[in-house]
C-alpha atoms as a PDB file:
ATOM      1  CA  MET A   1       0.000   0.000   0.000  1.00  0.00           C
ATOM      2  CA  HIS A   2       2.943   2.285  -0.652  1.00  0.00           C
ATOM      3  CA  HIS A   3       0.648   3.970  -3.179  1.00  0.00           C
ATOM      4  CA  ALA A   4      -1.846   4.793  -0.375  1.00  0.00           C
ATOM      5  CA  ALA A   5       0.893   6.292   1.804  1.00  0.00           C
ATOM      6  CA  ASP A   6       2.028   8.493  -1.094  1.00  0.00           C
ATOM      7  CA  LEU A   7      -1.536   9.711  -1.767  1.00  0.00           C
ATOM      8  CA  ALA A   8      -2.100  10.386   1.943  1.00  0.00           C
ATOM      9  CA  ARG A   9       1.154  12.384   2.051  1.00  0.00           C
ATOM     10  CA  ARG A  10       0.152  14.491  -0.970  1.00  0.00           C
ATOM     11  CA  LEU A  11      -3.289  15.146   0.537  1.00  0.00           C
ATOM     12  CA  ALA A  12      -1.677  16.097   3.873  1.00  0.00           C
ATOM     13  CA  ALA A  13       0.379  18.756   2.073  1.00  0.00           C
ATOM     14  CA  GLN A  14      -2.968  20.391   1.182  1.00  0.00           C
ATOM     15  CA  ALA A  15      -4.746  19.438   4.415  1.00  0.00           C
ATOM     16  CA  GLU A  16      -6.709  22.658   4.795  1.00  0.00           C
ATOM     17  CA  ALA A  17      -7.965  22.584   1.199  1.00  0.00           C
ATOM     18  CA  VAL A  18      -9.039  18.933   1.665  1.00  0.00           C
ATOM     19  CA  CYS A  19     -10.933  19.876   4.845  1.00  0.00           C
ATOM     20  CA  ARG A  20     -12.643  22.855   3.208  1.00  0.00           C
ATOM     21  CA  HIS A  21     -13.781  20.597   0.357  1.00  0.00           C
ATOM     22  CA  TYR A  22     -14.839  17.427   2.202  1.00  0.00           C
ATOM     23  CA  LEU A  23     -15.582  18.748   5.732  1.00  0.00           C
ATOM     24  CA  PRO A  24     -17.183  22.119   4.927  1.00  0.00           C
ATOM     25  CA  LYS A  25     -19.283  22.152   8.129  1.00  0.00           C
ATOM     26  CA  GLY A  26     -16.065  22.549  10.122  1.00  0.00           C
ATOM     27  CA  HIS A  27     -13.806  25.552  10.589  1.00  0.00           C
ATOM     28  CA  ARG A  28     -10.139  26.309  11.066  1.00  0.00           C
ATOM     29  CA  ALA A  29      -8.870  26.926  14.607  1.00  0.00           C
ATOM     30  CA  GLY A  30      -5.158  27.637  14.724  1.00  0.00           C
ATOM     31  CA  ARG A  31      -3.317  24.644  13.266  1.00  0.00           C
ATOM     32  CA  TYR A  32      -6.405  22.412  13.303  1.00  0.00           C
ATOM     33  CA  TRP A  33      -9.676  21.899  11.438  1.00  0.00           C
ATOM     34  CA  LEU A  34     -12.529  21.274  13.896  1.00  0.00           C
ATOM     35  CA  VAL A  35     -15.725  19.472  12.843  1.00  0.00           C
ATOM     36  CA  GLY A  36     -18.318  17.153  14.420  1.00  0.00           C
ATOM     37  CA  ASP A  37     -17.102  13.887  12.896  1.00  0.00           C
ATOM     38  CA  VAL A  38     -15.510  12.290   9.835  1.00  0.00           C
ATOM     39  CA  ARG A  39     -18.940  12.296   8.153  1.00  0.00           C
ATOM     40  CA  ASN A  40     -19.000  16.136   8.233  1.00  0.00           C
ATOM     41  CA  ALA A  41     -21.516  16.556  11.055  1.00  0.00           C
ATOM     42  CA  PRO A  42     -21.524  20.032  12.608  1.00  0.00           C
ATOM     43  CA  GLY A  43     -19.645  20.218  15.907  1.00  0.00           C
ATOM     44  CA  ARG A  44     -16.093  20.308  17.270  1.00  0.00           C
ATOM     45  CA  SER A  45     -15.217  16.882  18.668  1.00  0.00           C
ATOM     46  CA  MET A  46     -13.078  15.829  15.664  1.00  0.00           C
ATOM     47  CA  PHE A  47      -9.846  17.652  14.918  1.00  0.00           C
ATOM     48  CA  VAL A  48      -7.624  17.353  11.853  1.00  0.00           C
ATOM     49  CA  ARG A  49      -4.011  18.485  12.091  1.00  0.00           C
ATOM     50  CA  LEU A  50      -3.271  20.994   9.330  1.00  0.00           C
ATOM     51  CA  GLN A  51       0.431  21.133  10.219  1.00  0.00           C
ATOM     52  CA  GLY A  52       2.464  18.667  12.204  1.00  0.00           C
ATOM     53  CA  SER A  53       5.393  16.318  12.502  1.00  0.00           C
ATOM     54  CA  GLU A  54       6.688  14.220   9.609  1.00  0.00           C
ATOM     55  CA  SER A  55       4.985  10.993  10.635  1.00  0.00           C
ATOM     56  CA  GLY A  56       2.790   9.286  13.205  1.00  0.00           C
ATOM     57  CA  ARG A  57      -0.419  10.569  14.808  1.00  0.00           C
ATOM     58  CA  GLY A  58       1.035  14.083  15.078  1.00  0.00           C
ATOM     59  CA  ALA A  59       1.474  14.387  11.302  1.00  0.00           C
ATOM     60  CA  ALA A  60      -0.486  16.843   9.160  1.00  0.00           C
ATOM     61  CA  GLY A  61      -3.674  15.273   7.790  1.00  0.00           C
ATOM     62  CA  LYS A  62      -4.097  12.925  10.772  1.00  0.00           C
ATOM     63  CA  TRP A  63      -7.357  13.287  12.686  1.00  0.00           C
ATOM     64  CA  THR A  64      -8.885  12.104  15.949  1.00  0.00           C
ATOM     65  CA  ASP A  65     -12.530  12.117  17.002  1.00  0.00           C
ATOM     66  CA  ALA A  66     -12.487  12.767  20.754  1.00  0.00           C
ATOM     67  CA  ALA A  67     -16.113  11.631  21.134  1.00  0.00           C
ATOM     68  CA  THR A  68     -15.509   8.133  19.725  1.00  0.00           C
ATOM     69  CA  GLY A  69     -11.733   7.582  19.821  1.00  0.00           C
ATOM     70  CA  GLU A  70     -11.752   7.035  16.020  1.00  0.00           C
ATOM     71  CA  HIS A  71      -8.727   8.291  14.126  1.00  0.00           C
ATOM     72  CA  GLY A  72      -7.354   8.181  10.616  1.00  0.00           C
ATOM     73  CA  ASP A  73      -5.982  10.175   7.714  1.00  0.00           C
ATOM     74  CA  LEU A  74      -7.406  12.233   4.843  1.00  0.00           C
ATOM     75  CA  LEU A  75      -8.018   9.134   2.683  1.00  0.00           C
ATOM     76  CA  ASP A  76     -10.513   8.036   5.374  1.00  0.00           C
ATOM     77  CA  VAL A  77     -12.179  11.462   5.164  1.00  0.00           C
ATOM     78  CA  ILE A  78     -12.588  11.059   1.382  1.00  0.00           C
ATOM     79  CA  SER A  79     -13.819   7.479   1.822  1.00  0.00           C
ATOM     80  CA  GLU A  80     -16.518   8.591   4.287  1.00  0.00           C
ATOM     81  CA  SER A  81     -17.588  11.547   2.131  1.00  0.00           C
ATOM     82  CA  LEU A  82     -18.052   9.254  -0.895  1.00  0.00           C
ATOM     83  CA  GLY A  83     -19.667   6.524   1.165  1.00  0.00           C
ATOM     84  CA  VAL A  84     -17.320   3.933  -0.392  1.00  0.00           C
ATOM     85  CA  ALA A  85     -14.759   1.667   1.213  1.00  0.00           C
ATOM     86  CA  GLY A  86     -12.891   0.330  -1.844  1.00  0.00           C
ATOM     87  CA  PHE A  87      -9.384   1.777  -2.140  1.00  0.00           C
ATOM     88  CA  LYS A  88      -9.653   2.029  -5.945  1.00  0.00           C
ATOM     89  CA  ASP A  89     -12.592   4.484  -5.746  1.00  0.00           C
ATOM     90  CA  VAL A  90     -11.044   6.463  -2.895  1.00  0.00           C
ATOM     91  CA  ALA A  91      -7.697   6.717  -4.715  1.00  0.00           C
ATOM     92  CA  GLU A  92      -9.446   7.843  -7.896  1.00  0.00           C
ATOM     93  CA  GLU A  93     -11.282  10.610  -6.002  1.00  0.00           C
ATOM     94  CA  ALA A  94      -8.063  11.639  -4.211  1.00  0.00           C
ATOM     95  CA  ARG A  95      -6.210  11.916  -7.528  1.00  0.00           C
ATOM     96  CA  ARG A  96      -9.106  13.911  -8.981  1.00  0.00           C
ATOM     97  CA  PHE A  97      -8.947  16.312  -6.036  1.00  0.00           C
ATOM     98  CA  LEU A  98      -5.148  16.666  -6.283  1.00  0.00           C
ATOM     99  CA  SER A  99      -5.347  17.492 -10.001  1.00  0.00           C
ATOM    100  CA  MET A 100      -8.015  20.182  -9.504  1.00  0.00           C
ATOM    101  CA  PRO A 101      -6.865  23.790  -9.866  1.00  0.00           C
ATOM    102  CA  LYS A 102      -6.124  25.349  -6.486  1.00  0.00           C
ATOM    103  CA  PRO A 103      -9.294  27.020  -5.186  1.00  0.00           C
ATOM    104  CA  THR A 104      -9.020  30.779  -5.163  1.00  0.00           C
ATOM    105  CA  HIS A 105     -10.866  31.646  -1.976  1.00  0.00           C
ATOM    106  CA  ASP A 106     -11.797  35.200  -1.400  1.00  0.00           C
ATOM    107  CA  ALA A 107      -8.227  36.483  -1.132  1.00  0.00           C
ATOM    108  CA  LYS A 108      -8.968  38.104   2.215  1.00  0.00           C
ATOM    109  CA  GLU A 109     -10.166  34.911   3.842  1.00  0.00           C
ATOM    110  CA  PRO A 110      -6.872  33.164   4.741  1.00  0.00           C
ATOM    111  CA  VAL A 111      -5.518  36.467   6.018  1.00  0.00           C
ATOM    112  CA  ARG A 112      -8.622  36.938   8.115  1.00  0.00           C
ATOM    113  CA  ALA A 113      -8.331  33.415   9.525  1.00  0.00           C
ATOM    114  CA  ALA A 114      -4.681  33.938  10.446  1.00  0.00           C
ATOM    115  CA  SER A 115      -5.195  37.355  11.975  1.00  0.00           C
ATOM    116  CA  ALA A 116      -8.318  36.204  13.841  1.00  0.00           C
ATOM    117  CA  SER A 117      -6.293  33.453  15.473  1.00  0.00           C
ATOM    118  CA  ALA A 118      -3.431  35.788  16.337  1.00  0.00           C
ATOM    119  CA  GLY A 119      -5.943  38.454  17.321  1.00  0.00           C
ATOM    120  CA  SER A 120      -7.859  36.203  19.682  1.00  0.00           C
ATOM    121  CA  THR A 121      -4.631  35.254  21.479  1.00  0.00           C
ATOM    122  CA  GLU A 122      -3.768  38.955  21.678  1.00  0.00           C
ATOM    123  CA  ALA A 123      -7.284  39.715  22.944  1.00  0.00           C
ATOM    124  CA  ALA A 124      -6.865  36.966  25.568  1.00  0.00           C
ATOM    125  CA  ARG A 125      -3.589  38.545  26.681  1.00  0.00           C
ATOM    126  CA  ARG A 126      -5.272  41.951  27.035  1.00  0.00           C
ATOM    127  CA  LEU A 127      -8.192  40.474  28.973  1.00  0.00           C
ATOM    128  CA  VAL A 128      -5.850  38.720  31.417  1.00  0.00           C
ATOM    129  CA  SER A 129      -3.781  41.886  31.917  1.00  0.00           C
ATOM    130  CA  MET A 130      -6.961  43.856  32.726  1.00  0.00           C
ATOM    131  CA  SER A 131      -8.079  41.340  35.372  1.00  0.00           C
ATOM    132  CA  GLN A 132      -6.902  40.953  38.973  1.00  0.00           C
ATOM    133  CA  PRO A 133      -5.840  38.157  41.366  1.00  0.00           C
ATOM    134  CA  ILE A 134      -8.737  36.191  42.876  1.00  0.00           C
ATOM    135  CA  PRO A 135      -8.263  36.567  46.689  1.00  0.00           C
ATOM    136  CA  ARG A 136     -11.208  38.404  48.308  1.00  0.00           C
ATOM    137  CA  THR A 137     -13.091  38.650  44.978  1.00  0.00           C
ATOM    138  CA  LEU A 138     -16.297  37.090  43.646  1.00  0.00           C
ATOM    139  CA  VAL A 139     -14.166  34.291  42.106  1.00  0.00           C
ATOM    140  CA  GLU A 140     -13.038  33.144  45.545  1.00  0.00           C
ATOM    141  CA  THR A 141     -16.644  33.342  46.798  1.00  0.00           C
ATOM    142  CA  TYR A 142     -17.818  31.342  43.747  1.00  0.00           C
ATOM    143  CA  LEU A 143     -15.224  28.586  44.160  1.00  0.00           C
ATOM    144  CA  ARG A 144     -15.858  28.245  47.899  1.00  0.00           C
ATOM    145  CA  ALA A 145     -19.626  28.040  47.218  1.00  0.00           C
ATOM    146  CA  ARG A 146     -18.842  25.046  44.987  1.00  0.00           C
ATOM    147  CA  GLY A 147     -17.075  23.360  47.909  1.00  0.00           C
ATOM    148  CA  ILE A 148     -13.561  24.049  46.606  1.00  0.00           C
ATOM    149  CA  THR A 149     -10.894  24.612  49.265  1.00  0.00           C
ATOM    150  CA  ALA A 150      -7.862  24.236  46.957  1.00  0.00           C
ATOM    151  CA  LEU A 151      -7.085  27.885  46.266  1.00  0.00           C
ATOM    152  CA  HIS A 152      -3.286  27.409  46.375  1.00  0.00           C
ATOM    153  CA  GLU A 153      -1.336  27.616  43.101  1.00  0.00           C
ATOM    154  CA  THR A 154      -4.239  29.287  41.305  1.00  0.00           C
ATOM    155  CA  LYS A 155      -2.312  32.110  39.616  1.00  0.00           C
ATOM    156  CA  SER A 156      -3.848  30.890  36.343  1.00  0.00           C
ATOM    157  CA  LEU A 157      -7.215  32.234  37.605  1.00  0.00           C
ATOM    158  CA  ARG A 158      -8.102  35.950  37.612  1.00  0.00           C
ATOM    159  CA  PHE A 159     -11.149  38.139  38.275  1.00  0.00           C
ATOM    160  CA  HIS A 160     -12.671  40.704  35.913  1.00  0.00           C
ATOM    161  CA  PRO A 161     -15.483  42.737  37.510  1.00  0.00           C
ATOM    162  CA  ARG A 162     -17.042  43.917  34.206  1.00  0.00           C
ATOM    163  CA  CYS A 163     -16.304  41.439  31.418  1.00  0.00           C
ATOM    164  CA  TYR A 164     -18.059  41.875  28.061  1.00  0.00           C
ATOM    165  CA  TYR A 165     -20.662  39.260  27.144  1.00  0.00           C
ATOM    166  CA  ARG A 166     -22.450  39.322  23.800  1.00  0.00           C
ATOM    167  CA  PRO A 167     -25.425  36.917  23.616  1.00  0.00           C
ATOM    168  CA  ASP A 168     -25.012  36.517  19.833  1.00  0.00           C
ATOM    169  CA  ASP A 169     -23.641  38.444  16.885  1.00  0.00           C
ATOM    170  CA  GLU A 170     -26.679  40.696  16.810  1.00  0.00           C
ATOM    171  CA  GLY A 171     -27.418  41.200  20.514  1.00  0.00           C
ATOM    172  CA  PRO A 172     -26.298  44.147  22.633  1.00  0.00           C
ATOM    173  CA  THR A 173     -23.169  43.686  24.748  1.00  0.00           C
ATOM    174  CA  GLU A 174     -23.737  43.031  28.457  1.00  0.00           C
ATOM    175  CA  LEU A 175     -21.307  43.378  31.358  1.00  0.00           C
ATOM    176  CA  TRP A 176     -20.986  40.621  33.969  1.00  0.00           C
ATOM    177  CA  PRO A 177     -18.283  39.738  36.516  1.00  0.00           C
ATOM    178  CA  ALA A 178     -16.161  36.822  35.308  1.00  0.00           C
ATOM    179  CA  MET A 179     -13.553  34.281  36.334  1.00  0.00           C
ATOM    180  CA  ILE A 180     -10.767  34.484  33.753  1.00  0.00           C
ATOM    181  CA  ALA A 181      -8.531  31.426  33.314  1.00  0.00           C
ATOM    182  CA  THR A 182      -5.237  31.675  31.449  1.00  0.00           C
ATOM    183  CA  VAL A 183      -4.573  28.919  28.905  1.00  0.00           C
ATOM    184  CA  THR A 184      -0.838  28.263  28.484  1.00  0.00           C
ATOM    185  CA  ASP A 185       1.539  25.926  26.678  1.00  0.00           C
ATOM    186  CA  LEU A 186       4.107  23.693  28.430  1.00  0.00           C
ATOM    187  CA  ASN A 187       6.521  26.626  28.677  1.00  0.00           C
ATOM    188  CA  GLY A 188       3.986  28.867  30.393  1.00  0.00           C
ATOM    189  CA  LYS A 189       3.359  31.021  27.308  1.00  0.00           C
ATOM    190  CA  LEU A 190      -0.212  32.342  27.163  1.00  0.00           C
ATOM    191  CA  THR A 191      -2.121  31.007  24.145  1.00  0.00           C
ATOM    192  CA  GLY A 192      -5.727  31.776  25.142  1.00  0.00           C
ATOM    193  CA  ALA A 193      -8.193  32.526  27.921  1.00  0.00           C
ATOM    194  CA  HIS A 194     -11.422  31.051  29.243  1.00  0.00           C
ATOM    195  CA  ARG A 195     -14.235  33.111  30.742  1.00  0.00           C
ATOM    196  CA  THR A 196     -16.830  31.922  33.267  1.00  0.00           C
ATOM    197  CA  TRP A 197     -19.369  34.707  33.833  1.00  0.00           C
ATOM    198  CA  LEU A 198     -20.554  34.731  37.437  1.00  0.00           C
ATOM    199  CA  ASP A 199     -23.839  35.562  39.136  1.00  0.00           C
ATOM    200  CA  PRO A 200     -23.299  38.591  41.406  1.00  0.00           C
ATOM    201  CA  GLY A 201     -26.404  37.404  43.287  1.00  0.00           C
ATOM    202  CA  GLY A 202     -24.506  34.357  44.541  1.00  0.00           C
ATOM    203  CA  PHE A 203     -24.753  30.575  44.348  1.00  0.00           C
ATOM    204  CA  SER A 204     -27.847  28.539  43.501  1.00  0.00           C
ATOM    205  CA  GLU A 205     -28.091  24.809  42.789  1.00  0.00           C
ATOM    206  CA  ALA A 206     -29.742  25.590  39.438  1.00  0.00           C
ATOM    207  CA  ARG A 207     -26.957  27.814  38.076  1.00  0.00           C
ATOM    208  CA  LEU A 208     -24.067  26.730  40.336  1.00  0.00           C
ATOM    209  CA  GLY A 209     -23.021  30.367  40.745  1.00  0.00           C
ATOM    210  CA  ARG A 210     -22.802  31.139  37.031  1.00  0.00           C
ATOM    211  CA  ALA A 211     -24.487  34.183  35.474  1.00  0.00           C
ATOM    212  CA  PRO A 212     -28.078  33.781  34.184  1.00  0.00           C
ATOM    213  CA  ILE A 213     -27.066  33.930  30.506  1.00  0.00           C
ATOM    214  CA  ASP A 214     -27.220  31.411  27.628  1.00  0.00           C
ATOM    215  CA  THR A 215     -23.520  30.522  27.412  1.00  0.00           C
ATOM    216  CA  PRO A 216     -21.844  31.429  30.717  1.00  0.00           C
ATOM    217  CA  ARG A 217     -18.563  29.786  29.637  1.00  0.00           C
ATOM    218  CA  ARG A 218     -16.554  30.714  26.538  1.00  0.00           C
ATOM    219  CA  ALA A 219     -12.968  30.327  25.391  1.00  0.00           C
ATOM    220  CA  MET A 220     -10.807  32.471  23.112  1.00  0.00           C
ATOM    221  CA  GLY A 221      -7.390  32.033  21.506  1.00  0.00           C
ATOM    222  CA  GLU A 222      -5.567  28.793  20.701  1.00  0.00           C
ATOM    223  CA  LEU A 223      -6.625  26.001  23.051  1.00  0.00           C
ATOM    224  CA  LEU A 224      -5.788  22.715  21.352  1.00  0.00           C
ATOM    225  CA  GLY A 225      -2.886  21.000  23.110  1.00  0.00           C
ATOM    226  CA  HIS A 226      -2.810  23.681  25.826  1.00  0.00           C
ATOM    227  CA  ALA A 227      -4.486  23.960  29.242  1.00  0.00           C
ATOM    228  CA  VAL A 228      -5.232  25.882  32.444  1.00  0.00           C
ATOM    229  CA  ARG A 229      -2.515  24.734  34.877  1.00  0.00           C
ATOM    230  CA  PHE A 230      -2.455  24.250  38.658  1.00  0.00           C
ATOM    231  CA  GLY A 231       0.872  23.331  40.272  1.00  0.00           C
ATOM    232  CA  VAL A 232       4.171  22.511  38.581  1.00  0.00           C
ATOM    233  CA  GLU A 233       4.027  19.487  36.281  1.00  0.00           C
ATOM    234  CA  SER A 234       6.462  16.680  37.106  1.00  0.00           C
ATOM    235  CA  ASP A 235       6.455  12.874  36.808  1.00  0.00           C
ATOM    236  CA  VAL A 236       2.814  12.453  37.877  1.00  0.00           C
ATOM    237  CA  MET A 237      -0.100  14.743  37.035  1.00  0.00           C
ATOM    238  CA  ALA A 238      -3.879  14.798  36.592  1.00  0.00           C
ATOM    239  CA  ALA A 239      -5.805  16.079  33.576  1.00  0.00           C
ATOM    240  CA  GLY A 240      -9.528  16.656  33.086  1.00  0.00           C
ATOM    241  CA  GLU A 241     -12.052  18.953  31.466  1.00  0.00           C
ATOM    242  CA  GLY A 242     -13.498  21.586  33.785  1.00  0.00           C
ATOM    243  CA  ILE A 243     -11.701  24.048  36.042  1.00  0.00           C
ATOM    244  CA  GLU A 244     -14.089  23.292  38.916  1.00  0.00           C
ATOM    245  CA  THR A 245     -13.628  19.526  38.405  1.00  0.00           C
ATOM    246  CA  MET A 246      -9.851  19.792  38.660  1.00  0.00           C
ATOM    247  CA  LEU A 247      -9.934  22.138  41.670  1.00  0.00           C
ATOM    248  CA  SER A 248     -12.330  19.709  43.402  1.00  0.00           C
ATOM    249  CA  GLN A 249      -9.856  16.879  42.859  1.00  0.00           C
ATOM    250  CA  ARG A 250      -7.067  19.227  44.107  1.00  0.00           C
ATOM    251  CA  SER A 251      -9.096  19.799  47.292  1.00  0.00           C
ATOM    252  CA  ALA A 252      -8.492  16.104  48.091  1.00  0.00           C
ATOM    253  CA  LEU A 253      -5.059  15.789  46.423  1.00  0.00           C
ATOM    254  CA  PRO A 254      -3.565  19.251  47.059  1.00  0.00           C
ATOM    255  CA  SER A 255      -0.019  18.523  45.868  1.00  0.00           C
ATOM    256  CA  LEU A 256      -0.885  16.602  42.676  1.00  0.00           C
ATOM    257  CA  PRO A 257      -0.237  18.911  39.686  1.00  0.00           C
ATOM    258  CA  ALA A 258      -3.378  19.248  37.579  1.00  0.00           C
ATOM    259  CA  ILE A 259      -4.466  20.726  34.272  1.00  0.00           C
ATOM    260  CA  SER A 260      -7.890  21.637  32.926  1.00  0.00           C
ATOM    261  CA  ALA A 261      -8.289  21.199  29.157  1.00  0.00           C
ATOM    262  CA  LEU A 262     -11.762  22.892  29.194  1.00  0.00           C
ATOM    263  CA  SER A 263     -13.564  20.389  26.894  1.00  0.00           C
ATOM    264  CA  ALA A 264     -13.557  16.698  25.965  1.00  0.00           C
ATOM    265  CA  ALA A 265     -12.032  17.354  22.529  1.00  0.00           C
ATOM    266  CA  HIS A 266      -9.221  19.426  24.007  1.00  0.00           C
ATOM    267  CA  LEU A 267      -8.590  16.878  26.779  1.00  0.00           C
ATOM    268  CA  ALA A 268      -7.935  14.195  24.146  1.00  0.00           C
ATOM    269  CA  ALA A 269      -5.305  16.468  22.548  1.00  0.00           C
ATOM    270  CA  ILE A 270      -3.247  17.695  25.544  1.00  0.00           C
ATOM    271  CA  VAL A 271       0.528  17.871  25.060  1.00  0.00           C
ATOM    272  CA  PHE A 272       2.463  15.716  27.540  1.00  0.00           C
ATOM    273  CA  PRO A 273       5.363  17.202  29.555  1.00  0.00           C
ATOM    274  CA  ALA A 274       8.669  15.432  28.843  1.00  0.00           C
ATOM    275  CA  THR A 275       8.980  14.394  32.523  1.00  0.00           C
ATOM    276  CA  LEU A 276       5.554  12.704  32.715  1.00  0.00           C
ATOM    277  CA  ARG A 277       5.435   8.984  33.515  1.00  0.00           C
ATOM    278  CA  ARG A 278       1.958   8.578  35.095  1.00  0.00           C
ATOM    279  CA  LEU A 279      -1.159  10.458  34.013  1.00  0.00           C
ATOM    280  CA  TYR A 280      -4.409  10.466  35.977  1.00  0.00           C
ATOM    281  CA  ILE A 281      -7.317  11.169  33.642  1.00  0.00           C
ATOM    282  CA  VAL A 282     -10.091  12.766  35.661  1.00  0.00           C
ATOM    283  CA  ARG A 283     -13.273  11.536  34.058  1.00  0.00           C
ATOM    284  CA  ASP A 284     -16.671  13.170  33.669  1.00  0.00           C
ATOM    285  CA  ASN A 285     -19.501  10.626  33.521  1.00  0.00           C
ATOM    286  CA  ASP A 286     -20.758  11.378  30.000  1.00  0.00           C
ATOM    287  CA  PRO A 287     -20.300   9.934  26.473  1.00  0.00           C
ATOM    288  CA  ALA A 288     -18.002  12.764  25.314  1.00  0.00           C
ATOM    289  CA  GLY A 289     -15.858  12.173  28.401  1.00  0.00           C
ATOM    290  CA  ASP A 290     -15.647   8.447  27.573  1.00  0.00           C
ATOM    291  CA  GLY A 291     -14.445   9.120  24.016  1.00  0.00           C
ATOM    292  CA  ALA A 292     -11.857  11.655  25.145  1.00  0.00           C
ATOM    293  CA  MET A 293     -10.648   9.271  27.830  1.00  0.00           C
ATOM    294  CA  ALA A 294     -10.188   6.390  25.361  1.00  0.00           C
ATOM    295  CA  ALA A 295      -8.276   8.623  22.923  1.00  0.00           C
ATOM    296  CA  LEU A 296      -6.068  10.016  25.703  1.00  0.00           C
ATOM    297  CA  VAL A 297      -5.313   6.586  27.213  1.00  0.00           C
ATOM    298  CA  GLU A 298      -4.216   5.389  23.772  1.00  0.00           C
ATOM    299  CA  ARG A 299      -2.002   8.459  23.201  1.00  0.00           C
ATOM    300  CA  ALA A 300      -0.437   8.178  26.680  1.00  0.00           C
ATOM    301  CA  ASN A 301       0.319   4.471  26.285  1.00  0.00           C
ATOM    302  CA  ALA A 302       1.888   5.114  22.868  1.00  0.00           C
ATOM    303  CA  ALA A 303       4.157   7.707  24.542  1.00  0.00           C
ATOM    304  CA  GLY A 304       5.210   5.232  27.267  1.00  0.00           C
ATOM    305  CA  ILE A 305       3.115   6.975  29.951  1.00  0.00           C
ATOM    306  CA  GLU A 306       0.979   4.969  32.374  1.00  0.00           C
ATOM    307  CA  ALA A 307      -2.620   6.230  32.184  1.00  0.00           C
ATOM    308  CA  ARG A 308      -5.024   5.726  35.085  1.00  0.00           C
ATOM    309  CA  VAL A 309      -8.631   6.854  35.032  1.00  0.00           C
ATOM    310  CA  LEU A 310     -10.241   8.474  38.093  1.00  0.00           C
ATOM    311  CA  THR A 311     -14.035   8.085  38.032  1.00  0.00           C
ATOM    312  CA  PRO A 312     -16.457  10.105  40.200  1.00  0.00           C
ATOM    313  CA  GLN A 313     -19.469   8.549  41.918  1.00  0.00           C
ATOM    314  CA  LEU A 314     -21.835  11.214  40.523  1.00  0.00           C
ATOM    315  CA  GLY A 315     -21.605  13.275  37.294  1.00  0.00           C
ATOM    316  CA  ASP A 316     -18.204  14.830  38.014  1.00  0.00           C
ATOM    317  CA  PHE A 317     -15.850  15.363  40.951  1.00  0.00           C
ATOM    318  CA  ASN A 318     -17.358  18.733  41.829  1.00  0.00           C
ATOM    319  CA  GLU A 319     -20.746  17.056  42.313  1.00  0.00           C
ATOM    320  CA  ASP A 320     -19.023  14.457  44.507  1.00  0.00           C
ATOM    321  CA  LEU A 321     -17.377  17.214  46.564  1.00  0.00           C
ATOM    322  CA  ARG A 322     -20.498  19.387  46.936  1.00  0.00           C
ATOM    323  CA  LEU A 323     -23.109  16.670  47.433  1.00  0.00           C
ATOM    324  CA  LEU A 324     -21.151  13.867  49.130  1.00  0.00           C
ATOM    325  CA  GLY A 325     -18.436  15.883  50.915  1.00  0.00           C
ATOM    326  CA  LEU A 326     -14.635  16.012  51.012  1.00  0.00           C
ATOM    327  CA  ASP A 327     -14.196  12.812  53.060  1.00  0.00           C
ATOM    328  CA  ALA A 328     -16.278  10.826  50.553  1.00  0.00           C
ATOM    329  CA  LEU A 329     -14.291  12.330  47.659  1.00  0.00           C
ATOM    330  CA  ARG A 330     -11.016  11.331  49.334  1.00  0.00           C
ATOM    331  CA  ALA A 331     -12.337   7.792  49.844  1.00  0.00           C
ATOM    332  CA  THR A 332     -13.382   7.567  46.168  1.00  0.00           C
ATOM    333  CA  LEU A 333      -9.950   8.708  44.989  1.00  0.00           C
ATOM    334  CA  ARG A 334      -7.973   6.619  47.503  1.00  0.00           C
ATOM    335  CA  VAL A 335      -9.247   3.280  46.150  1.00  0.00           C
ATOM    336  CA  GLN A 336      -8.397   4.282  42.551  1.00  0.00           C
ATOM    337  CA  MET A 337      -4.745   5.205  43.195  1.00  0.00           C
ATOM    338  CA  PRO A 338      -1.636   3.196  44.157  1.00  0.00           C
ATOM    339  CA  PRO A 339      -0.729   3.641  47.862  1.00  0.00           C
ATOM    340  CA  GLN A 340       2.498   5.523  47.099  1.00  0.00           C
ATOM    341  CA  ASP A 341       0.544   8.259  45.281  1.00  0.00           C
ATOM    342  CA  VAL A 342      -2.057   8.473  48.058  1.00  0.00           C
ATOM    343  CA  ALA A 343       0.802   8.960  50.546  1.00  0.00           C
ATOM    344  CA  ARG A 344       2.535  11.476  48.288  1.00  0.00           C
ATOM    345  CA  PHE A 345      -0.382  13.652  47.159  1.00  0.00           C
ATOM    346  CA  MET A 346      -3.270  13.327  49.619  1.00  0.00           C
ATOM    347  CA  SER A 347      -3.232  15.766  52.535  1.00  0.00           C
ATOM    348  CA  PRO A 348      -2.200  14.234  55.897  1.00  0.00           C
ATOM    349  CA  ALA A 349      -5.609  15.177  57.342  1.00  0.00           C
ATOM    350  CA  ALA A 350      -7.074  12.461  55.164  1.00  0.00           C
END
């Protein structure tokens, strides 16, 4: 199948054009094309690398669906779009695509895409610089109302008292207080920001302290591969989706470094620190969480990293903490970890 590898390589060299043609319901985000699945459903759980390493899963043209754990290359994308499995038909379509004249998009479009990406990272940087540390602010009140006691090593979280919120492209801009989380790469360089708009009226079980608006959580900038970080990463760390989930787990395991990837798709794509040898994947009990977990376990194992899954009793670890209590959360975690990690990371009070 050397012929297939050659075709896949040539398609990968034009990965974005292939995605625009066969996955038009998706959109470019930084170095990735995000779409619902390989069959071009709307959504963001599948990501195609538009640039990458020379070979392997990190190569351009390779894709992963975080919701299902499926992965493949651009020949698979063409196969799905045609609804055929035979290599002869897929190869014929691939050759037809490769011989087509290069599409002349509106000349402004690629520039706009590039500057939007750079601009959103720049906008994230400005937003973070305009916000303040969280002690004695509504962010601290919000986190404590969600049962979270782990407020150490939270420099990645900030407070903005009047953060812009636009309901949709047409609606008027509103101002709400917000928790701002800095998204960084492994070197600590800011790549994006995440906003959680908060309810100044306080905590309620219905809204969990978030503002009474349609989408109280939004991200900006380049997120894929990056994360919100708590503690200094070393040989063992924990990774999960939500900020509140990871801070709940930190309330029971205060010295275990943790990162929040902000969504299932982004959790599947986190970049591993070079020192990492054991990764705890903090699971949310939902189908998207299951798919992300499977994809991440596979990636970790391929990199020689031991992956262990931590499963909550309820929907997520913040629900466990709020509704069952800290002692119950510690007990849940203790039975899922080797004794040396319990001794190393769980607070002596436990």
